[in-house]
Amino acid sequence: MKRVIALIAAIALLISGVVMSVFNVFQKEQLDDFFSSFSDQSPVTVLEEGDANNQIAVINIEGVIQSAPESSGFLNPTAGYNHQLTIEALKEIIEDDSVKAILLDVNSPGGGVYESAEVHKYLKEAKDKGKKIYSSMGTMAASGGYYVSAPADKIYASNETLTGSIGVIMQSIDYSELAEKYGVKFNTYTSGDMKDMLSPSKKPSKEEKEYVQHMVDSMFSDFVKVVSEGRDMSEKEVRKLADGRVYLGNDALENGLVDEIGYYDDALNDLKKEIDVDNPQVYTYGQDLNSLSKFRFKAPNMVQKLFTDNEALIVENLLNKRQGPKPMYLYEE
C-alpha cells in the first residue's frame, strides 16, 4: 500500500512539473505579449487637477535603469522601471509646450550605461527647450540614478538618501576551475585573439584586462563630465568625490552633489513656485499594475528543486551564461 501511495505521489509531482512547464511556455509567449501591449503605451495619470495649459510632468525612475522590464509575467506583470515608456514620455514632454517643468522621482541604484545616457540626453533636450527640471531622490539615487539627476536645476535628497556612487562597474565571471572540476572543456575558435574577451570559460589575459579597464575609464570620464556640467563643478572637484562611494543626503549637500534636504512634496511645491503658475496640473506616466505585482507564481521553482540537485543547477546556470558582461552605472548593495 505504501508503495502505491509513493508511486501515485511521484506521478502527481511529475504531472505537476509538466503542467507548470507548459504553463510557463504559454505564459512567456502569449501572456507577456498581452501585458507588453500596455507597457508600450504612454498612459497619463493626473495626480493634481489644474491648468492643463501649464503642466508639471512627473517622471518616475524606480528600480534598475535597464532596457528590459524588471519583471514580467501573468501573475507578476511588468513592474518597476520601464525604459521605453520613460523615453517616449520624455519625447512627448519635449514637444509639448504646455509642460513647463519636469519632476524626477528617483529611487534607483542606477543601471546600464547606455540607458542612463539615453535618459540624460532627453532630459538635456527638455532643459534646452526651457523646461525646468527638479529631482527628488528617495531611498536611493546612486550611480546611474545620480547620472540622470545631474542635469536637474535643483536636486533634493533626504537625510537618509543614499546617493553618489559615481563610477562604472563591468564584471565578468570565471568558472573555468568549476568546469574543470566537472570535466567540462571548451573548444573555442575565434577570428581574433580578443573575440572571446571576458569569456567566463577562461582566465582573462593581461591584454584583456588592460583593454577592459580602458573602456571603463573612458565611460567613467563621461560620467565625470556629466556631473561636472550638471553641477557646475570642475572635473577635478568631481573626481575627488567619484571613488564609487555612496553619500548620505547631508554629506551630499555639503560636497555639492545636492541642493536641498527635502522630500518629494518639498521638491514639487518649490517647483510650482519656480514656474510661477497658479494651479498647474501635475501628471505622470504609466499604468497602475501594483495590485497584481505582489503575486509571484513559484510552483515551477519548487518542482524544479524537487528534481534537480542544487550543485548541478548552479553548473547549468553558469554554463548557460557564456559571454556578455555589460558596463553599468550601478551601485550593488
Protein backbone atom coordinates (compact mmCIF):
# COMPACT_ATOMS: atom_id res chain seq x y z
CA MET A 1 0.00 0.00 0.00
CA LYS A 2 2.82 2.41 0.91
CA ARG A 3 4.48 1.70 -2.44
CA VAL A 4 1.25 2.51 -4.28
CA ILE A 5 0.88 5.82 -2.39
CA ALA A 6 4.51 6.71 -3.09
CA LEU A 7 4.06 5.87 -6.78
CA ILE A 8 0.90 7.99 -7.01
CA ALA A 9 2.70 10.90 -5.30
CA ALA A 10 5.64 10.64 -7.69
CA ILE A 11 3.32 10.58 -10.72
CA ALA A 12 1.41 13.59 -9.37
CA LEU A 13 4.65 15.55 -8.94
CA LEU A 14 5.77 14.62 -12.43
CA ILE A 15 2.45 15.69 -13.97
CA SER A 16 2.59 18.90 -11.96
CA GLY A 17 6.06 19.61 -13.31
CA VAL A 18 4.95 19.01 -16.90
CA VAL A 19 1.84 21.19 -16.47
CA MET A 20 3.89 24.01 -14.96
CA SER A 21 6.41 23.80 -17.80
CA VAL A 22 3.65 24.03 -20.40
CA PHE A 23 2.06 26.88 -18.47
CA ASN A 24 5.37 28.75 -18.38
CA VAL A 25 5.83 28.41 -22.14
CA PHE A 26 2.31 29.64 -22.77
CA GLN A 27 2.80 32.42 -20.26
CA LYS A 28 6.04 33.54 -21.89
CA GLU A 29 4.81 33.51 -25.47
CA GLN A 30 1.22 34.63 -25.03
CA LEU A 31 0.55 36.43 -21.78
CA ASP A 32 3.67 38.59 -21.80
CA ASP A 33 2.55 39.89 -25.18
CA PHE A 34 -0.71 40.94 -23.55
CA PHE A 35 0.99 42.97 -20.83
CA SER A 36 3.60 44.39 -23.20
CA SER A 37 0.77 45.95 -25.18
CA PHE A 38 0.11 48.10 -22.12
CA SER A 39 3.75 48.86 -21.34
CA ASP A 40 4.42 50.08 -24.90
CA GLN A 41 1.89 52.86 -24.43
CA SER A 42 2.50 56.06 -22.52
CA PRO A 43 -0.73 56.42 -20.50
CA VAL A 44 -1.14 59.57 -18.44
CA THR A 45 -2.42 59.76 -14.87
CA VAL A 46 -3.37 63.16 -13.47
CA LEU A 47 -2.03 63.49 -9.94
CA GLU A 48 -3.33 67.01 -9.27
CA GLU A 49 -6.04 68.67 -11.31
CA GLY A 50 -5.21 72.15 -12.54
CA ASP A 51 -4.47 74.30 -15.55
CA ALA A 52 -3.89 71.90 -18.45
CA ASN A 53 -2.02 74.62 -20.34
CA ASN A 54 0.59 74.78 -17.59
CA GLN A 55 1.65 71.31 -16.52
CA ILE A 56 4.31 69.61 -14.43
CA ALA A 57 5.25 66.13 -15.60
CA VAL A 58 6.46 63.63 -13.01
CA ILE A 59 8.88 61.05 -14.35
CA ASN A 60 9.36 58.02 -12.10
CA ILE A 61 12.81 56.44 -12.13
CA GLU A 62 12.04 53.45 -9.94
CA GLY A 63 14.33 50.43 -9.86
CA VAL A 64 17.25 49.42 -12.06
CA ILE A 65 17.61 51.58 -15.18
CA GLN A 66 17.67 48.95 -17.90
CA SER A 67 16.06 48.24 -21.25
CA ALA A 68 14.30 45.05 -20.19
CA PRO A 69 11.50 45.44 -17.65
CA GLU A 70 12.49 44.27 -14.16
CA SER A 71 9.79 41.67 -14.04
CA SER A 72 7.02 40.32 -16.21
CA GLY A 73 4.53 37.54 -16.43
CA PHE A 74 0.85 36.77 -15.94
CA LEU A 75 0.79 36.90 -12.15
CA ASN A 76 3.85 39.15 -11.95
CA PRO A 77 3.25 41.78 -14.64
CA THR A 78 5.73 44.40 -15.80
CA ALA A 79 6.66 46.47 -12.78
CA GLY A 80 9.31 48.92 -11.73
CA TYR A 81 11.32 50.92 -14.25
CA ASN A 82 10.19 50.84 -17.88
CA HIS A 83 12.87 52.34 -20.11
CA GLN A 84 10.85 52.55 -23.32
CA LEU A 85 7.96 54.23 -21.52
CA THR A 86 10.37 56.74 -19.93
CA ILE A 87 11.99 57.66 -23.25
CA GLU A 88 8.65 58.01 -25.04
CA ALA A 89 7.36 60.17 -22.19
CA LEU A 90 10.38 62.47 -22.40
CA LYS A 91 9.98 62.79 -26.18
CA GLU A 92 6.34 63.82 -25.71
CA ILE A 93 7.27 66.29 -22.99
CA ILE A 94 9.92 67.94 -25.16
CA GLU A 95 7.36 68.62 -27.89
CA ASP A 96 4.54 69.66 -25.55
CA ASP A 97 4.60 73.40 -24.87
CA SER A 98 2.03 73.02 -22.12
CA VAL A 99 4.59 71.16 -19.99
CA LYS A 100 6.56 73.80 -18.14
CA ALA A 101 8.57 71.57 -15.82
CA ILE A 102 9.67 68.02 -15.03
CA LEU A 103 9.96 66.47 -11.59
CA LEU A 104 12.13 63.36 -11.46
CA ASP A 105 11.03 60.99 -8.70
CA VAL A 106 14.16 58.85 -8.35
CA ASN A 107 14.56 55.69 -6.32
CA SER A 108 17.22 53.72 -8.16
CA PRO A 109 20.63 52.11 -7.65
CA GLY A 110 21.45 53.01 -11.27
CA GLY A 111 21.69 50.67 -14.20
CA GLY A 112 23.03 50.37 -17.73
CA VAL A 113 25.49 52.90 -19.12
CA TYR A 114 23.55 53.17 -22.39
CA GLU A 115 20.12 53.53 -20.76
CA SER A 116 21.31 56.12 -18.24
CA ALA A 117 22.96 58.14 -21.00
CA GLU A 118 19.80 57.98 -23.13
CA VAL A 119 17.61 59.32 -20.31
CA HIS A 120 20.19 62.05 -19.66
CA LYS A 121 20.18 63.01 -23.37
CA TYR A 122 16.44 63.65 -23.48
CA LEU A 123 16.45 65.47 -20.15
CA LYS A 124 19.09 67.80 -21.58
CA GLU A 125 16.91 68.38 -24.64
CA ALA A 126 13.96 69.19 -22.40
CA LYS A 127 16.11 71.62 -20.43
CA ASP A 128 17.31 73.25 -23.66
CA LYS A 129 13.64 73.76 -24.55
CA GLY A 130 13.32 75.90 -21.41
CA LYS A 131 11.63 73.36 -19.15
CA LYS A 132 12.64 73.43 -15.50
CA ILE A 133 13.83 70.13 -14.05
CA TYR A 134 13.89 69.22 -10.37
CA SER A 135 14.95 65.86 -8.99
CA SER A 136 13.60 64.33 -5.80
CA MET A 137 15.73 61.47 -4.51
CA GLY A 138 14.09 58.77 -2.45
CA THR A 139 15.72 55.94 -0.55
CA MET A 140 18.47 55.70 -3.15
CA ALA A 141 19.64 57.63 -6.19
CA ALA A 142 23.07 56.15 -6.74
CA SER A 143 25.33 55.80 -9.77
CA GLY A 144 23.01 55.89 -12.81
CA GLY A 145 20.29 57.22 -10.50
CA TYR A 146 22.54 60.20 -9.85
CA TYR A 147 23.66 60.37 -13.50
CA VAL A 148 20.09 61.04 -14.68
CA SER A 149 19.58 63.58 -11.89
CA ALA A 150 22.71 65.56 -12.72
CA PRO A 151 21.13 67.90 -15.33
CA ALA A 152 18.39 68.95 -12.90
CA ASP A 153 18.17 72.62 -11.96
CA LYS A 154 17.73 71.54 -8.35
CA ILE A 155 18.29 68.23 -6.59
CA TYR A 156 16.55 67.24 -3.36
CA ALA A 157 17.56 64.41 -1.04
CA SER A 158 16.53 63.40 2.46
CA ASN A 159 18.97 62.84 5.30
CA GLU A 160 18.50 59.11 4.76
CA THR A 161 19.00 59.09 0.97
CA LEU A 162 21.94 57.13 -0.39
CA THR A 163 23.35 58.89 -3.44
CA GLY A 164 26.61 59.39 -5.28
CA SER A 165 28.40 56.16 -6.22
CA ILE A 166 29.84 57.99 -9.21
CA GLY A 167 31.62 55.37 -11.23
CA VAL A 168 31.46 52.43 -13.62
CA ILE A 169 31.48 48.70 -12.97
CA MET A 170 31.99 45.98 -15.56
CA GLN A 171 32.06 42.46 -14.23
CA SER A 172 32.62 39.02 -15.68
CA ILE A 173 32.57 35.55 -14.18
CA ASP A 174 35.34 32.97 -14.38
CA TYR A 175 34.05 29.43 -13.93
CA SER A 176 36.97 27.71 -15.66
CA GLU A 177 38.02 25.92 -12.45
CA LEU A 178 34.45 24.81 -11.80
CA ALA A 179 34.16 23.48 -15.35
CA GLU A 180 37.44 21.64 -14.93
CA LYS A 181 36.10 20.04 -11.74
CA TYR A 182 33.19 18.56 -13.71
CA GLY A 183 35.33 17.59 -16.68
CA VAL A 184 33.94 20.30 -18.97
CA LYS A 185 36.31 21.54 -21.67
CA PHE A 186 35.69 24.35 -24.13
CA ASN A 187 36.85 24.24 -27.74
CA THR A 188 36.71 27.85 -28.93
CA TYR A 189 37.50 29.05 -32.45
CA THR A 190 37.82 32.80 -32.96
CA SER A 191 38.79 35.15 -35.75
CA GLY A 192 40.99 37.16 -33.41
CA ASP A 193 42.67 36.99 -30.02
CA MET A 194 40.14 39.37 -28.43
CA LYS A 195 36.99 37.85 -29.90
CA ASP A 196 36.35 35.78 -26.77
CA MET A 197 37.32 38.64 -24.49
CA LEU A 198 35.87 38.18 -21.00
CA SER A 199 34.69 34.69 -21.80
CA PRO A 200 33.81 33.00 -18.48
CA SER A 201 35.43 29.76 -19.64
CA LYS A 202 38.97 31.10 -19.27
CA LYS A 203 41.04 33.48 -17.22
CA PRO A 204 41.43 36.94 -18.79
CA SER A 205 44.80 37.78 -20.29
CA LYS A 206 46.79 40.87 -19.37
CA GLU A 207 45.82 42.46 -22.69
CA GLU A 208 42.12 41.86 -22.00
CA LYS A 209 42.35 43.37 -18.53
CA GLU A 210 44.08 46.47 -19.85
CA TYR A 211 41.59 46.90 -22.68
CA VAL A 212 38.52 46.47 -20.46
CA GLN A 213 39.98 48.90 -17.93
CA HIS A 214 40.46 51.38 -20.77
CA MET A 215 36.76 51.10 -21.64
CA VAL A 216 35.74 51.52 -18.00
CA ASP A 217 37.98 54.58 -17.64
CA SER A 218 36.50 56.10 -20.81
CA MET A 219 32.92 55.67 -19.58
CA PHE A 220 33.94 56.98 -16.17
CA SER A 221 35.28 60.15 -17.82
CA ASP A 222 31.87 60.59 -19.47
CA PHE A 223 30.19 60.27 -16.06
CA VAL A 224 32.55 62.83 -14.53
CA LYS A 225 31.83 65.24 -17.37
CA VAL A 226 28.06 64.84 -16.91
CA VAL A 227 28.33 65.66 -13.20
CA SER A 228 30.77 68.50 -13.85
CA GLU A 229 28.41 70.15 -16.34
CA GLY A 230 25.25 69.47 -14.35
CA ARG A 231 26.59 70.67 -11.01
CA ASP A 232 28.81 73.46 -12.34
CA MET A 233 31.88 71.88 -10.75
CA SER A 234 35.34 71.34 -12.16
CA GLU A 235 36.20 67.82 -13.26
CA LYS A 236 38.94 67.83 -10.65
CA GLU A 237 36.38 68.52 -7.92
CA VAL A 238 34.12 65.76 -9.21
CA ARG A 239 36.92 63.21 -9.35
CA LYS A 240 37.67 63.82 -5.67
CA LEU A 241 34.12 62.67 -4.91
CA ALA A 242 33.98 59.94 -7.54
CA ASP A 243 35.70 56.95 -5.98
CA GLY A 244 32.47 54.96 -6.12
CA ARG A 245 31.33 55.58 -2.56
CA VAL A 246 27.76 56.49 -1.64
CA TYR A 247 26.88 59.56 0.41
CA LEU A 248 24.06 60.25 2.80
CA GLY A 249 21.91 63.25 1.98
CA ASN A 250 23.64 65.67 4.34
CA ASP A 251 27.08 64.66 3.10
CA ALA A 252 25.93 65.05 -0.50
CA LEU A 253 24.64 68.52 0.36
CA GLU A 254 27.97 69.52 1.89
CA ASN A 255 30.00 68.33 -1.08
CA GLY A 256 27.72 69.96 -3.65
CA LEU A 257 26.03 66.90 -5.14
CA VAL A 258 22.55 68.00 -3.99
CA ASP A 259 20.94 71.40 -3.34
CA GLU A 260 18.32 70.86 -0.66
CA ILE A 261 17.40 68.44 2.10
CA GLY A 262 13.78 67.60 1.47
CA TYR A 263 11.24 65.11 0.22
CA TYR A 264 9.05 64.71 -2.87
CA ASP A 265 6.40 67.17 -1.65
CA ASP A 266 9.06 69.77 -0.86
CA ALA A 267 10.51 69.48 -4.36
CA LEU A 268 7.07 69.64 -6.01
CA ASN A 269 5.95 72.68 -4.01
CA ASP A 270 9.18 74.53 -4.76
CA LEU A 271 8.90 73.64 -8.45
CA LYS A 272 5.40 75.11 -8.56
CA LYS A 273 6.78 78.35 -7.16
CA GLU A 274 9.70 78.23 -9.62
CA ILE A 275 7.47 78.16 -12.71
CA ASP A 276 5.25 80.85 -11.14
CA VAL A 277 1.95 79.43 -12.38
CA ASP A 278 -1.33 79.44 -10.50
CA ASN A 279 -2.66 75.93 -10.01
CA PRO A 280 -0.57 73.94 -12.52
CA GLN A 281 -1.76 70.46 -13.44
CA VAL A 282 0.52 67.67 -12.26
CA TYR A 283 0.55 64.37 -14.09
CA THR A 284 2.66 61.26 -14.51
CA TYR A 285 3.06 58.41 -16.97
CA GLY A 286 2.39 54.69 -16.58
CA GLN A 287 -0.38 52.32 -15.61
CA ASP A 288 -1.04 51.04 -12.10
CA LEU A 289 -0.25 47.33 -12.01
CA ASN A 290 0.92 47.38 -8.40
CA SER A 291 -2.13 45.47 -7.22
CA LEU A 292 -1.00 42.48 -9.30
CA SER A 293 2.74 42.82 -8.88
CA LYS A 294 2.73 41.30 -5.40
CA PHE A 295 1.88 37.88 -6.84
CA ARG A 296 4.74 35.53 -7.68
CA PHE A 297 3.96 32.12 -9.16
CA LYS A 298 6.73 29.99 -7.64
CA ALA A 299 5.39 26.48 -8.17
CA PRO A 300 7.71 25.75 -11.15
CA ASN A 301 10.71 26.62 -8.99
CA MET A 302 9.55 24.29 -6.24
CA VAL A 303 9.04 21.45 -8.70
CA GLN A 304 12.47 22.11 -10.18
CA LYS A 305 14.08 21.94 -6.74
CA LEU A 306 12.44 18.56 -6.12
CA PHE A 307 14.01 17.06 -9.23
CA THR A 308 17.30 18.99 -9.54
CA ASP A 309 20.44 18.74 -7.47
CA ASN A 310 21.49 22.19 -6.25
CA GLU A 311 25.10 21.83 -7.35
CA ALA A 312 24.07 20.65 -10.81
CA LEU A 313 21.66 23.58 -11.06
CA ILE A 314 24.50 26.03 -10.36
CA VAL A 315 26.63 24.43 -13.05
CA GLU A 316 23.76 24.57 -15.56
CA ASN A 317 23.05 28.24 -14.87
CA LEU A 318 26.70 29.16 -15.18
CA LEU A 319 27.19 27.30 -18.42
CA ASN A 320 24.13 28.96 -19.90
CA LYS A 321 25.68 32.38 -19.31
CA ARG A 322 28.56 32.27 -21.73
CA GLN A 323 29.53 35.82 -22.59
CA GLY A 324 28.31 39.41 -22.48
CA PRO A 325 29.37 41.44 -19.43
CA LYS A 326 27.62 44.79 -19.54
CA PRO A 327 29.09 48.10 -18.36
CA MET A 328 26.91 49.58 -15.63
CA TYR A 329 26.45 52.80 -13.74
CA LEU A 330 25.23 50.70 -10.82
CA TYR A 331 25.60 50.62 -7.07
CA GLU A 332 25.49 46.99 -5.94
CA GLU A 333 24.37 46.51 -2.34
